[in-house]
Amino acid sequence: MNSRVIAAIAAAVLAIIGIGAVVAYAASAKSRAFDGAELVEAYRVVSDLDANADSATVADNVELVKLPNAAVAKNRVTDLKDIEGLKTTVPLVAGEQLLSTRFDKEGAKAASGAKLPDGLQEISLSLDAAAGVGERIDENVRVGVIATVEKGEDKRSRMIAQNVLVTHVKSNEDNSMVVTLGVTTSQATQVAAAAQFGQVRLTIQNDKTKRDGASAVDAGNLVK
């Protein structure tokens, strides 16, 4: 056996050993991250699925994983039998938890109330659980949008939009969420600027919400 063949075999063996070491380290890191946390089971979507996917198709495209209790959604699917005979009302994205609120006998037709009204456009925000009002945000909910921005040493908060329709919500494993809103053009630019250069929080509103008193508040004045 010549030296080139021996060198090639040695390189292949070293590569396999290296890959094994990386996999072992990653598994160890995940174990350390979950160490001490209460783990519960949840289904995670592994492939993108269109709206109106039936329960059998969904079952073939999810995996059962264990996550820290604090990271799982309250309305997650715990048993695939619970969605038998149902269809997805919205597209499912790989990586998101399987939620019971994404299913209905009528499929996407049942989510028609969350469709974008004429004249509006959609914009999405990535929020943590607190900024997104925890697990209470869902499609068809109306929200207020509060923006907080800094200018020099000053911080100012203002309600920049009210009675805004939530058209879609995606919950992530880390307890964050992506919330999609139906907004006007002027609201879209304000929300985008706040998300890019400041912070955004949402409030849940209803038909009886009083929408006065939405003027800007300087953080420094709160303690004067």
N, C-alpha and C. Protein backbone atom coordinates (compact mmCIF):
# COMPACT_ATOMS: atom_id res chain seq x y z
N MET A 1 0.86 -1.20 0.00
CA MET A 1 0.00 0.00 0.00
C MET A 1 0.89 1.24 0.00
N ASN A 2 0.70 2.13 -1.00
CA ASN A 2 1.59 3.28 -1.09
C ASN A 2 1.24 4.34 -0.06
N SER A 3 2.13 5.31 0.07
CA SER A 3 1.99 6.32 1.12
C SER A 3 0.77 7.21 0.92
N ARG A 4 0.37 7.46 -0.35
CA ARG A 4 -0.79 8.32 -0.60
C ARG A 4 -2.08 7.66 -0.10
N VAL A 5 -2.21 6.36 -0.33
CA VAL A 5 -3.40 5.64 0.14
C VAL A 5 -3.46 5.65 1.65
N ILE A 6 -2.31 5.39 2.28
CA ILE A 6 -2.25 5.39 3.74
C ILE A 6 -2.63 6.76 4.30
N ALA A 7 -2.13 7.82 3.66
CA ALA A 7 -2.44 9.18 4.12
C ALA A 7 -3.93 9.48 3.98
N ALA A 8 -4.53 9.02 2.88
CA ALA A 8 -5.96 9.26 2.66
C ALA A 8 -6.80 8.54 3.71
N ILE A 9 -6.43 7.29 4.01
CA ILE A 9 -7.16 6.53 5.02
C ILE A 9 -7.03 7.20 6.38
N ALA A 10 -5.82 7.64 6.71
CA ALA A 10 -5.60 8.30 8.00
C ALA A 10 -6.42 9.58 8.11
N ALA A 11 -6.49 10.34 7.02
CA ALA A 11 -7.27 11.58 7.03
C ALA A 11 -8.75 11.30 7.23
N ALA A 12 -9.25 10.23 6.58
CA ALA A 12 -10.66 9.87 6.73
C ALA A 12 -10.97 9.47 8.16
N VAL A 13 -10.07 8.68 8.76
CA VAL A 13 -10.27 8.24 10.15
C VAL A 13 -10.29 9.44 11.09
N LEU A 14 -9.36 10.36 10.89
CA LEU A 14 -9.31 11.56 11.74
C LEU A 14 -10.57 12.40 11.58
N ALA A 15 -11.09 12.49 10.36
CA ALA A 15 -12.32 13.26 10.12
C ALA A 15 -13.49 12.65 10.86
N ILE A 16 -13.59 11.31 10.82
CA ILE A 16 -14.68 10.62 11.52
C ILE A 16 -14.58 10.86 13.02
N ILE A 17 -13.35 10.77 13.54
CA ILE A 17 -13.15 11.00 14.98
C ILE A 17 -13.54 12.43 15.34
N GLY A 18 -13.16 13.39 14.47
CA GLY A 18 -13.49 14.79 14.74
C GLY A 18 -14.98 15.04 14.75
N ILE A 19 -15.70 14.45 13.79
CA ILE A 19 -17.16 14.61 13.75
C ILE A 19 -17.79 14.02 15.00
N GLY A 20 -17.31 12.86 15.41
CA GLY A 20 -17.84 12.22 16.61
C GLY A 20 -17.62 13.08 17.84
N ALA A 21 -16.46 13.72 17.92
CA ALA A 21 -16.17 14.58 19.06
C ALA A 21 -17.09 15.79 19.10
N VAL A 22 -17.35 16.38 17.91
CA VAL A 22 -18.24 17.54 17.85
C VAL A 22 -19.65 17.17 18.27
N VAL A 23 -20.14 16.02 17.77
CA VAL A 23 -21.49 15.57 18.12
C VAL A 23 -21.59 15.32 19.62
N ALA A 24 -20.57 14.67 20.18
CA ALA A 24 -20.57 14.37 21.61
C ALA A 24 -20.55 15.65 22.43
N TYR A 25 -19.77 16.64 21.99
CA TYR A 25 -19.70 17.91 22.71
C TYR A 25 -21.03 18.64 22.66
N ALA A 26 -21.67 18.63 21.47
CA ALA A 26 -22.96 19.30 21.33
C ALA A 26 -24.01 18.67 22.23
N ALA A 27 -24.01 17.34 22.29
CA ALA A 27 -24.96 16.65 23.15
C ALA A 27 -24.70 16.97 24.61
N SER A 28 -23.41 17.05 24.97
CA SER A 28 -23.05 17.38 26.34
C SER A 28 -23.47 18.80 26.69
N ALA A 29 -23.29 19.73 25.74
CA ALA A 29 -23.66 21.13 25.98
C ALA A 29 -25.16 21.26 26.18
N LYS A 30 -25.93 20.53 25.36
CA LYS A 30 -27.39 20.56 25.51
C LYS A 30 -27.81 20.01 26.86
N SER A 31 -27.13 18.93 27.27
CA SER A 31 -27.45 18.33 28.56
C SER A 31 -27.16 19.30 29.70
N ARG A 32 -26.02 20.03 29.60
CA ARG A 32 -25.68 21.00 30.63
C ARG A 32 -26.68 22.14 30.67
N ALA A 33 -27.16 22.56 29.49
CA ALA A 33 -28.12 23.67 29.42
C ALA A 33 -29.44 23.30 30.09
N PHE A 34 -29.82 22.01 29.99
CA PHE A 34 -31.08 21.55 30.57
C PHE A 34 -30.90 21.03 31.99
N ASP A 35 -29.66 21.00 32.47
CA ASP A 35 -29.39 20.43 33.78
C ASP A 35 -30.17 21.15 34.87
N GLY A 36 -30.93 20.39 35.64
CA GLY A 36 -31.69 20.97 36.74
C GLY A 36 -33.05 21.49 36.34
N ALA A 37 -33.33 21.58 35.03
CA ALA A 37 -34.62 22.09 34.58
C ALA A 37 -35.63 20.95 34.48
N GLU A 38 -36.88 21.25 34.78
CA GLU A 38 -37.94 20.26 34.63
C GLU A 38 -38.26 20.12 33.14
N LEU A 39 -38.06 18.92 32.61
CA LEU A 39 -38.27 18.69 31.18
C LEU A 39 -39.65 18.08 30.94
N VAL A 40 -40.32 18.59 29.92
CA VAL A 40 -41.63 18.06 29.54
C VAL A 40 -41.61 17.78 28.04
N GLU A 41 -42.51 16.93 27.60
CA GLU A 41 -42.55 16.55 26.19
C GLU A 41 -43.37 17.53 25.37
N ALA A 42 -42.92 17.75 24.15
CA ALA A 42 -43.65 18.62 23.22
C ALA A 42 -43.34 18.14 21.81
N TYR A 43 -44.29 18.35 20.90
CA TYR A 43 -44.06 18.01 19.51
C TYR A 43 -43.49 19.22 18.77
N ARG A 44 -42.45 18.96 17.97
CA ARG A 44 -41.82 20.03 17.20
C ARG A 44 -41.95 19.72 15.71
N VAL A 45 -42.34 20.72 14.95
CA VAL A 45 -42.49 20.57 13.50
C VAL A 45 -41.10 20.46 12.87
N VAL A 46 -40.90 19.47 12.00
CA VAL A 46 -39.59 19.26 11.38
C VAL A 46 -39.56 19.67 9.91
N SER A 47 -40.72 19.87 9.30
CA SER A 47 -40.79 20.29 7.90
C SER A 47 -41.88 21.34 7.74
N ASP A 48 -41.66 22.31 6.88
CA ASP A 48 -42.68 23.32 6.61
C ASP A 48 -43.92 22.64 6.03
N LEU A 49 -45.09 23.04 6.50
CA LEU A 49 -46.35 22.48 6.02
C LEU A 49 -47.30 23.61 5.63
N ASP A 50 -48.06 23.38 4.57
CA ASP A 50 -49.03 24.38 4.14
C ASP A 50 -50.28 24.33 5.01
N ALA A 51 -51.06 25.38 4.94
CA ALA A 51 -52.36 25.37 5.60
C ALA A 51 -53.21 24.27 4.97
N ASN A 52 -54.14 23.73 5.75
CA ASN A 52 -55.03 22.64 5.33
C ASN A 52 -54.33 21.28 5.30
N ALA A 53 -53.15 21.17 5.90
CA ALA A 53 -52.51 19.86 6.02
C ALA A 53 -53.32 19.01 7.00
N ASP A 54 -53.61 17.75 6.62
CA ASP A 54 -54.42 16.91 7.51
C ASP A 54 -53.57 16.36 8.65
N SER A 55 -54.24 15.77 9.62
CA SER A 55 -53.55 15.31 10.83
C SER A 55 -52.53 14.22 10.54
N ALA A 56 -52.80 13.37 9.55
CA ALA A 56 -51.86 12.30 9.21
C ALA A 56 -50.56 12.89 8.65
N THR A 57 -50.70 13.91 7.80
CA THR A 57 -49.51 14.57 7.24
C THR A 57 -48.71 15.25 8.33
N VAL A 58 -49.42 15.89 9.24
CA VAL A 58 -48.75 16.56 10.35
C VAL A 58 -47.99 15.55 11.20
N ALA A 59 -48.63 14.42 11.50
CA ALA A 59 -48.00 13.40 12.33
C ALA A 59 -46.70 12.88 11.72
N ASP A 60 -46.64 12.88 10.38
CA ASP A 60 -45.43 12.41 9.70
C ASP A 60 -44.33 13.46 9.66
N ASN A 61 -44.64 14.66 10.10
CA ASN A 61 -43.67 15.76 9.99
C ASN A 61 -43.41 16.46 11.32
N VAL A 62 -43.57 15.73 12.40
CA VAL A 62 -43.25 16.26 13.72
C VAL A 62 -42.40 15.24 14.48
N GLU A 63 -41.72 15.72 15.50
CA GLU A 63 -40.94 14.83 16.36
C GLU A 63 -41.22 15.19 17.81
N LEU A 64 -41.15 14.19 18.66
CA LEU A 64 -41.39 14.39 20.09
C LEU A 64 -40.06 14.73 20.75
N VAL A 65 -40.00 15.88 21.41
CA VAL A 65 -38.77 16.32 22.07
C VAL A 65 -39.06 16.67 23.52
N LYS A 66 -38.02 16.78 24.31
CA LYS A 66 -38.14 17.20 25.70
C LYS A 66 -37.52 18.57 25.86
N LEU A 67 -38.29 19.49 26.43
CA LEU A 67 -37.85 20.87 26.60
C LEU A 67 -38.08 21.31 28.04
N PRO A 68 -37.35 22.34 28.49
CA PRO A 68 -37.61 22.88 29.83
C PRO A 68 -39.05 23.35 29.93
N ASN A 69 -39.67 23.12 31.05
CA ASN A 69 -41.08 23.46 31.24
C ASN A 69 -41.35 24.93 30.93
N ALA A 70 -40.39 25.80 31.24
CA ALA A 70 -40.58 27.23 31.01
C ALA A 70 -40.57 27.59 29.53
N ALA A 71 -40.10 26.68 28.67
CA ALA A 71 -39.97 26.99 27.25
C ALA A 71 -41.10 26.44 26.40
N VAL A 72 -42.02 25.69 27.00
CA VAL A 72 -43.09 25.09 26.19
C VAL A 72 -44.34 25.96 26.24
N ALA A 73 -45.07 25.95 25.14
CA ALA A 73 -46.30 26.73 25.06
C ALA A 73 -47.42 26.04 25.83
N LYS A 74 -48.28 26.83 26.44
CA LYS A 74 -49.37 26.28 27.24
C LYS A 74 -50.34 25.48 26.38
N ASN A 75 -50.54 25.92 25.14
CA ASN A 75 -51.53 25.26 24.27
C ASN A 75 -50.88 24.29 23.29
N ARG A 76 -49.75 23.70 23.69
CA ARG A 76 -49.07 22.73 22.82
C ARG A 76 -49.89 21.45 22.72
N VAL A 77 -49.72 20.72 21.63
CA VAL A 77 -50.36 19.42 21.46
C VAL A 77 -49.57 18.39 22.26
N THR A 78 -50.23 17.68 23.15
CA THR A 78 -49.55 16.67 23.98
C THR A 78 -49.83 15.25 23.49
N ASP A 79 -50.85 15.09 22.66
CA ASP A 79 -51.20 13.78 22.13
C ASP A 79 -51.71 13.97 20.70
N LEU A 80 -51.10 13.30 19.74
CA LEU A 80 -51.50 13.47 18.34
C LEU A 80 -52.93 13.02 18.09
N LYS A 81 -53.48 12.21 18.99
CA LYS A 81 -54.87 11.80 18.84
C LYS A 81 -55.82 13.00 18.97
N ASP A 82 -55.35 14.03 19.66
CA ASP A 82 -56.19 15.21 19.88
C ASP A 82 -56.44 15.99 18.59
N ILE A 83 -55.61 15.78 17.57
CA ILE A 83 -55.79 16.54 16.32
C ILE A 83 -56.29 15.65 15.18
N GLU A 84 -56.63 14.41 15.48
CA GLU A 84 -57.15 13.52 14.45
C GLU A 84 -58.44 14.09 13.85
N GLY A 85 -58.52 14.08 12.53
CA GLY A 85 -59.70 14.61 11.84
C GLY A 85 -59.67 16.10 11.65
N LEU A 86 -58.60 16.76 12.10
CA LEU A 86 -58.49 18.21 11.97
C LEU A 86 -57.46 18.58 10.90
N LYS A 87 -57.50 19.84 10.47
CA LYS A 87 -56.54 20.35 9.49
C LYS A 87 -55.88 21.61 10.04
N THR A 88 -54.71 21.91 9.52
CA THR A 88 -54.02 23.13 9.96
C THR A 88 -54.74 24.36 9.41
N THR A 89 -54.90 25.35 10.25
CA THR A 89 -55.57 26.58 9.82
C THR A 89 -54.59 27.57 9.20
N VAL A 90 -53.30 27.39 9.48
CA VAL A 90 -52.25 28.28 8.95
C VAL A 90 -51.05 27.41 8.58
N PRO A 91 -50.12 27.93 7.78
CA PRO A 91 -48.90 27.17 7.49
C PRO A 91 -48.11 26.93 8.78
N LEU A 92 -47.45 25.78 8.86
CA LEU A 92 -46.58 25.47 9.99
C LEU A 92 -45.13 25.56 9.52
N VAL A 93 -44.28 26.10 10.37
CA VAL A 93 -42.88 26.33 10.02
C VAL A 93 -41.99 25.38 10.82
N ALA A 94 -41.02 24.79 10.16
CA ALA A 94 -40.11 23.87 10.84
C ALA A 94 -39.45 24.55 12.03
N GLY A 95 -39.45 23.86 13.17
CA GLY A 95 -38.84 24.40 14.38
C GLY A 95 -39.84 24.88 15.40
N GLU A 96 -41.07 25.18 14.97
CA GLU A 96 -42.06 25.67 15.94
C GLU A 96 -42.73 24.51 16.66
N GLN A 97 -43.24 24.80 17.85
CA GLN A 97 -43.97 23.79 18.59
C GLN A 97 -45.34 23.57 17.96
N LEU A 98 -45.85 22.37 18.09
CA LEU A 98 -47.16 22.03 17.54
C LEU A 98 -48.22 22.51 18.53
N LEU A 99 -49.05 23.45 18.09
CA LEU A 99 -50.03 24.07 18.97
C LEU A 99 -51.45 23.68 18.57
N SER A 100 -52.29 23.45 19.56
CA SER A 100 -53.67 23.05 19.29
C SER A 100 -54.46 24.16 18.61
N THR A 101 -54.04 25.41 18.81
CA THR A 101 -54.75 26.54 18.20
C THR A 101 -54.54 26.64 16.70
N ARG A 102 -53.67 25.80 16.16
CA ARG A 102 -53.40 25.81 14.72
C ARG A 102 -54.28 24.82 13.95
N PHE A 103 -55.27 24.22 14.63
CA PHE A 103 -56.07 23.17 14.00
C PHE A 103 -57.57 23.44 14.13
N ASP A 104 -58.29 22.99 13.10
CA ASP A 104 -59.74 23.10 13.10
C ASP A 104 -60.28 22.13 12.05
N LYS A 105 -61.53 21.72 12.21
CA LYS A 105 -62.14 20.81 11.23
C LYS A 105 -62.19 21.44 9.85
N GLU A 106 -62.37 22.77 9.80
CA GLU A 106 -62.48 23.45 8.52
C GLU A 106 -61.15 23.93 7.98
N GLY A 107 -60.07 23.67 8.69
CA GLY A 107 -58.75 24.07 8.21
C GLY A 107 -58.61 25.58 8.09
N ALA A 108 -57.99 26.02 6.99
CA ALA A 108 -57.71 27.45 6.79
C ALA A 108 -58.97 28.29 6.76
N LYS A 109 -60.08 27.69 6.38
CA LYS A 109 -61.34 28.43 6.33
C LYS A 109 -61.72 28.97 7.69
N ALA A 110 -61.36 28.23 8.75
CA ALA A 110 -61.69 28.65 10.11
C ALA A 110 -60.87 29.85 10.54
N ALA A 111 -59.75 30.10 9.86
CA ALA A 111 -58.88 31.23 10.22
C ALA A 111 -59.15 32.46 9.37
N SER A 112 -60.27 32.45 8.66
CA SER A 112 -60.55 33.56 7.75
C SER A 112 -60.63 34.90 8.48
N GLY A 113 -61.01 34.86 9.77
CA GLY A 113 -61.11 36.10 10.53
C GLY A 113 -59.77 36.76 10.74
N ALA A 114 -58.67 36.01 10.58
CA ALA A 114 -57.34 36.57 10.78
C ALA A 114 -56.72 37.03 9.48
N LYS A 115 -57.47 36.95 8.38
CA LYS A 115 -56.93 37.41 7.11
C LYS A 115 -56.77 38.92 7.13
N LEU A 116 -55.83 39.39 6.36
CA LEU A 116 -55.52 40.81 6.33
C LEU A 116 -56.67 41.61 5.72
N PRO A 117 -57.21 42.58 6.46
CA PRO A 117 -58.28 43.43 5.91
C PRO A 117 -57.78 44.25 4.73
N ASP A 118 -58.68 44.59 3.83
CA ASP A 118 -58.32 45.41 2.67
C ASP A 118 -57.71 46.73 3.12
N GLY A 119 -56.67 47.15 2.43
CA GLY A 119 -56.04 48.44 2.71
C GLY A 119 -54.91 48.38 3.72
N LEU A 120 -54.73 47.23 4.39
CA LEU A 120 -53.67 47.11 5.38
C LEU A 120 -52.52 46.26 4.83
N GLN A 121 -51.44 46.23 5.57
CA GLN A 121 -50.29 45.40 5.22
C GLN A 121 -49.76 44.75 6.48
N GLU A 122 -49.00 43.67 6.32
CA GLU A 122 -48.52 42.91 7.48
C GLU A 122 -47.06 43.23 7.78
N ILE A 123 -46.76 43.26 9.08
CA ILE A 123 -45.39 43.42 9.54
C ILE A 123 -45.21 42.52 10.76
N SER A 124 -44.06 41.87 10.87
CA SER A 124 -43.82 40.92 11.96
C SER A 124 -42.81 41.46 12.96
N LEU A 125 -43.01 41.10 14.22
CA LEU A 125 -42.13 41.50 15.31
C LEU A 125 -41.67 40.26 16.06
N SER A 126 -40.40 40.23 16.43
CA SER A 126 -39.89 39.18 17.29
C SER A 126 -39.89 39.70 18.72
N LEU A 127 -40.64 39.04 19.61
CA LEU A 127 -40.82 39.52 20.97
C LEU A 127 -40.56 38.42 21.98
N ASP A 128 -40.14 38.81 23.19
CA ASP A 128 -40.08 37.82 24.25
C ASP A 128 -41.47 37.67 24.84
N ALA A 129 -41.62 36.71 25.76
CA ALA A 129 -42.96 36.39 26.27
C ALA A 129 -43.61 37.58 26.96
N ALA A 130 -42.83 38.34 27.73
CA ALA A 130 -43.40 39.47 28.46
C ALA A 130 -43.86 40.57 27.51
N ALA A 131 -43.02 40.89 26.53
CA ALA A 131 -43.37 41.95 25.59
C ALA A 131 -44.58 41.58 24.75
N GLY A 132 -44.79 40.26 24.56
CA GLY A 132 -45.93 39.80 23.78
C GLY A 132 -47.12 39.40 24.64
N VAL A 133 -47.17 39.86 25.88
CA VAL A 133 -48.26 39.58 26.82
C VAL A 133 -48.41 38.07 27.04
N GLY A 134 -47.27 37.40 27.17
CA GLY A 134 -47.28 35.98 27.50
C GLY A 134 -47.99 35.14 26.46
N GLU A 135 -48.80 34.20 26.92
CA GLU A 135 -49.45 33.26 26.02
C GLU A 135 -50.84 33.73 25.59
N ARG A 136 -51.20 34.97 25.87
CA ARG A 136 -52.54 35.45 25.56
C ARG A 136 -52.65 36.03 24.15
N ILE A 137 -51.52 36.26 23.51
CA ILE A 137 -51.54 36.77 22.14
C ILE A 137 -51.86 35.63 21.18
N ASP A 138 -52.82 35.85 20.31
CA ASP A 138 -53.16 34.85 19.30
C ASP A 138 -53.82 35.56 18.12
N GLU A 139 -54.06 34.82 17.04
CA GLU A 139 -54.71 35.40 15.88
C GLU A 139 -56.06 36.00 16.26
N ASN A 140 -56.41 37.08 15.60
CA ASN A 140 -57.68 37.80 15.76
C ASN A 140 -57.75 38.68 17.00
N VAL A 141 -56.71 38.66 17.84
CA VAL A 141 -56.68 39.55 19.00
C VAL A 141 -56.32 40.96 18.53
N ARG A 142 -56.88 41.96 19.20
CA ARG A 142 -56.54 43.35 18.92
C ARG A 142 -55.55 43.84 19.96
N VAL A 143 -54.52 44.56 19.52
CA VAL A 143 -53.46 44.98 20.43
C VAL A 143 -53.12 46.45 20.25
N GLY A 144 -52.50 47.00 21.30
CA GLY A 144 -51.88 48.31 21.22
C GLY A 144 -50.38 48.10 21.11
N VAL A 145 -49.68 49.02 20.46
CA VAL A 145 -48.24 48.90 20.26
C VAL A 145 -47.54 50.07 20.96
N ILE A 146 -46.70 49.75 21.94
CA ILE A 146 -45.95 50.77 22.67
C ILE A 146 -44.49 50.72 22.23
N ALA A 147 -43.96 51.87 21.83
CA ALA A 147 -42.56 51.96 21.42
C ALA A 147 -41.77 52.74 22.46
N THR A 148 -40.60 52.24 22.79
CA THR A 148 -39.68 52.93 23.69
C THR A 148 -38.37 53.15 22.96
N VAL A 149 -37.95 54.40 22.85
CA VAL A 149 -36.72 54.72 22.14
C VAL A 149 -35.84 55.60 23.01
N GLU A 150 -34.55 55.59 22.71
CA GLU A 150 -33.58 56.40 23.44
C GLU A 150 -33.07 57.53 22.54
N LYS A 151 -32.87 58.68 23.15
CA LYS A 151 -32.25 59.81 22.47
C LYS A 151 -31.26 60.42 23.44
N GLY A 152 -30.00 60.11 23.22
CA GLY A 152 -29.00 60.52 24.19
C GLY A 152 -29.18 59.74 25.47
N GLU A 153 -29.35 60.45 26.58
CA GLU A 153 -29.58 59.79 27.86
C GLU A 153 -31.06 59.69 28.20
N ASP A 154 -31.90 60.23 27.33
CA ASP A 154 -33.34 60.23 27.58
C ASP A 154 -34.00 59.00 26.95
N LYS A 155 -35.02 58.48 27.65
CA LYS A 155 -35.83 57.37 27.13
C LYS A 155 -37.28 57.82 27.12
N ARG A 156 -37.95 57.54 26.02
CA ARG A 156 -39.34 57.97 25.88
C ARG A 156 -40.19 56.83 25.34
N SER A 157 -41.37 56.66 25.93
CA SER A 157 -42.32 55.63 25.49
C SER A 157 -43.60 56.29 25.01
N ARG A 158 -44.18 55.70 23.96
CA ARG A 158 -45.45 56.23 23.45
C ARG A 158 -46.23 55.11 22.77
N MET A 159 -47.54 55.16 22.94
CA MET A 159 -48.42 54.23 22.23
C MET A 159 -48.52 54.70 20.79
N ILE A 160 -47.91 53.95 19.86
CA ILE A 160 -47.85 54.41 18.47
C ILE A 160 -48.98 53.83 17.61
N ALA A 161 -49.67 52.82 18.11
CA ALA A 161 -50.78 52.24 17.34
C ALA A 161 -51.73 51.53 18.30
N GLN A 162 -53.03 51.58 17.97
CA GLN A 162 -54.03 50.94 18.81
C GLN A 162 -55.04 50.18 17.95
N ASN A 163 -55.70 49.22 18.59
CA ASN A 163 -56.72 48.42 17.92
C ASN A 163 -56.16 47.73 16.67
N VAL A 164 -54.93 47.24 16.79
CA VAL A 164 -54.24 46.60 15.66
C VAL A 164 -54.56 45.10 15.66
N LEU A 165 -54.89 44.56 14.50
CA LEU A 165 -55.25 43.15 14.38
C LEU A 165 -54.00 42.27 14.32
N VAL A 166 -53.98 41.23 15.15
CA VAL A 166 -52.93 40.21 15.08
C VAL A 166 -53.37 39.17 14.06
N THR A 167 -52.58 38.99 13.00
CA THR A 167 -52.95 38.06 11.94
C THR A 167 -52.26 36.71 12.05
N HIS A 168 -51.14 36.66 12.77
CA HIS A 168 -50.45 35.37 12.90
C HIS A 168 -49.50 35.43 14.09
N VAL A 169 -49.33 34.29 14.77
CA VAL A 169 -48.40 34.18 15.89
C VAL A 169 -47.62 32.88 15.76
N LYS A 170 -46.31 32.97 15.87
CA LYS A 170 -45.47 31.78 15.88
C LYS A 170 -44.72 31.73 17.21
N SER A 171 -44.89 30.63 17.96
CA SER A 171 -44.20 30.45 19.23
C SER A 171 -42.91 29.67 19.00
N ASN A 172 -41.83 30.11 19.63
CA ASN A 172 -40.53 29.46 19.49
C ASN A 172 -40.16 28.67 20.74
N GLU A 173 -39.17 27.81 20.60
CA GLU A 173 -38.76 26.95 21.71
C GLU A 173 -38.22 27.74 22.90
N ASP A 174 -37.61 28.90 22.64
CA ASP A 174 -37.01 29.68 23.72
C ASP A 174 -38.02 30.59 24.42
N ASN A 175 -39.31 30.33 24.18
CA ASN A 175 -40.40 31.08 24.80
C ASN A 175 -40.59 32.47 24.19
N SER A 176 -39.89 32.75 23.10
CA SER A 176 -40.12 33.99 22.37
C SER A 176 -41.21 33.73 21.34
N MET A 177 -41.62 34.77 20.64
CA MET A 177 -42.66 34.61 19.63
C MET A 177 -42.47 35.62 18.51
N VAL A 178 -42.99 35.27 17.35
CA VAL A 178 -43.03 36.19 16.22
C VAL A 178 -44.50 36.54 15.99
N VAL A 179 -44.83 37.81 16.16
CA VAL A 179 -46.21 38.27 16.05
C VAL A 179 -46.34 39.11 14.78
N THR A 180 -47.32 38.76 13.96
CA THR A 180 -47.57 39.50 12.72
C THR A 180 -48.81 40.37 12.89
N LEU A 181 -48.67 41.64 12.52
CA LEU A 181 -49.73 42.63 12.71
C LEU A 181 -50.22 43.16 11.37
N GLY A 182 -51.51 43.49 11.31
CA GLY A 182 -52.07 44.16 10.15
C GLY A 182 -52.11 45.66 10.42
N VAL A 183 -51.33 46.44 9.68
CA VAL A 183 -51.17 47.86 9.98
C VAL A 183 -51.32 48.72 8.73
N THR A 184 -51.48 50.03 8.97
CA THR A 184 -51.48 50.99 7.87
C THR A 184 -50.03 51.28 7.48
N THR A 185 -49.86 52.03 6.40
CA THR A 185 -48.50 52.35 5.95
C THR A 185 -47.75 53.17 6.99
N SER A 186 -48.40 54.17 7.57
CA SER A 186 -47.73 55.00 8.57
C SER A 186 -47.40 54.20 9.82
N GLN A 187 -48.31 53.31 10.23
CA GLN A 187 -48.05 52.46 11.39
C GLN A 187 -46.88 51.51 11.11
N ALA A 188 -46.81 51.00 9.89
CA ALA A 188 -45.74 50.06 9.53
C ALA A 188 -44.37 50.70 9.70
N THR A 189 -44.22 51.94 9.24
CA THR A 189 -42.92 52.60 9.36
C THR A 189 -42.58 52.89 10.82
N GLN A 190 -43.59 53.25 11.62
CA GLN A 190 -43.35 53.51 13.03
C GLN A 190 -42.96 52.24 13.78
N VAL A 191 -43.67 51.15 13.50
CA VAL A 191 -43.37 49.88 14.15
C VAL A 191 -41.98 49.39 13.75
N ALA A 192 -41.65 49.51 12.47
CA ALA A 192 -40.33 49.08 12.00
C ALA A 192 -39.21 49.87 12.66
N ALA A 193 -39.40 51.19 12.77
CA ALA A 193 -38.38 52.03 13.40
C ALA A 193 -38.21 51.69 14.88
N ALA A 194 -39.34 51.47 15.56
CA ALA A 194 -39.28 51.13 16.98
C ALA A 194 -38.58 49.80 17.20
N ALA A 195 -38.88 48.81 16.35
CA ALA A 195 -38.26 47.49 16.49
C ALA A 195 -36.77 47.54 16.18
N GLN A 196 -36.39 48.40 15.22
CA GLN A 196 -35.00 48.47 14.80
C GLN A 196 -34.14 49.29 15.76
N PHE A 197 -34.69 50.39 16.26
CA PHE A 197 -33.88 51.32 17.05
C PHE A 197 -34.30 51.44 18.51
N GLY A 198 -35.32 50.70 18.91
CA GLY A 198 -35.77 50.78 20.30
C GLY A 198 -36.34 49.46 20.76
N GLN A 199 -37.41 49.53 21.53
CA GLN A 199 -38.09 48.34 22.04
C GLN A 199 -39.58 48.46 21.80
N VAL A 200 -40.23 47.32 21.63
CA VAL A 200 -41.67 47.30 21.39
C VAL A 200 -42.34 46.37 22.39
N ARG A 201 -43.46 46.82 22.94
CA ARG A 201 -44.30 45.98 23.79
C ARG A 201 -45.73 46.07 23.27
N LEU A 202 -46.48 44.99 23.47
CA LEU A 202 -47.88 44.96 23.04
C LEU A 202 -48.80 44.95 24.24
N THR A 203 -49.99 45.50 24.07
CA THR A 203 -51.04 45.41 25.07
C THR A 203 -52.26 44.79 24.41
N ILE A 204 -52.98 43.96 25.13
CA ILE A 204 -54.21 43.39 24.59
C ILE A 204 -55.36 44.38 24.79
N GLN A 205 -56.11 44.62 23.74
CA GLN A 205 -57.22 45.56 23.80
C GLN A 205 -58.52 44.86 23.40
N ASN A 206 -59.64 45.50 23.76
CA ASN A 206 -60.95 44.99 23.34
C ASN A 206 -61.83 46.17 22.96
N ASP A 207 -63.09 45.89 22.69
CA ASP A 207 -64.00 46.94 22.22
C ASP A 207 -64.21 48.05 23.25
N LYS A 208 -64.00 47.73 24.53
CA LYS A 208 -64.24 48.72 25.58
C LYS A 208 -62.95 49.38 26.08
N THR A 209 -61.84 49.06 25.45
CA THR A 209 -60.57 49.68 25.87
C THR A 209 -60.61 51.19 25.65
N LYS A 210 -60.26 51.94 26.68
CA LYS A 210 -60.19 53.40 26.56
C LYS A 210 -58.84 53.75 25.93
N ARG A 211 -58.88 54.46 24.83
CA ARG A 211 -57.66 54.71 24.07
C ARG A 211 -57.14 56.14 24.21
N ASP A 212 -57.59 56.83 25.25
CA ASP A 212 -57.05 58.17 25.50
C ASP A 212 -55.78 58.04 26.35
N GLY A 213 -55.12 59.14 26.59
CA GLY A 213 -53.91 59.13 27.41
C GLY A 213 -52.74 58.43 26.78
N ALA A 214 -52.65 58.48 25.45
CA ALA A 214 -51.57 57.77 24.75
C ALA A 214 -50.40 58.68 24.41
N SER A 215 -50.28 59.81 25.10
CA SER A 215 -49.19 60.73 24.82
C SER A 215 -47.86 60.15 25.30
N ALA A 216 -46.77 60.71 24.81
CA ALA A 216 -45.44 60.20 25.14
C ALA A 216 -45.12 60.40 26.62
N VAL A 217 -44.33 59.48 27.17
CA VAL A 217 -43.91 59.55 28.57
C VAL A 217 -42.39 59.49 28.62
N ASP A 218 -41.77 60.47 29.29
CA ASP A 218 -40.33 60.47 29.49
C ASP A 218 -40.01 59.65 30.73
N ALA A 219 -39.11 58.67 30.57
CA ALA A 219 -38.78 57.79 31.69
C ALA A 219 -38.25 58.57 32.89
N GLY A 220 -37.50 59.63 32.63
CA GLY A 220 -36.94 60.42 33.72
C GLY A 220 -37.99 61.09 34.57
N ASN A 221 -39.16 61.36 34.00
CA ASN A 221 -40.22 62.04 34.75
C ASN A 221 -41.00 61.10 35.66
N LEU A 222 -40.80 59.79 35.50
CA LEU A 222 -41.57 58.84 36.30
C LEU A 222 -41.18 58.88 37.78
N VAL A 223 -39.96 59.31 38.07
CA VAL A 223 -39.49 59.29 39.46
C VAL A 223 -39.34 60.70 40.02
N LYS A 224 -39.83 61.69 39.31
CA LYS A 224 -39.74 63.06 39.81
C LYS A 224 -40.90 63.35 40.75
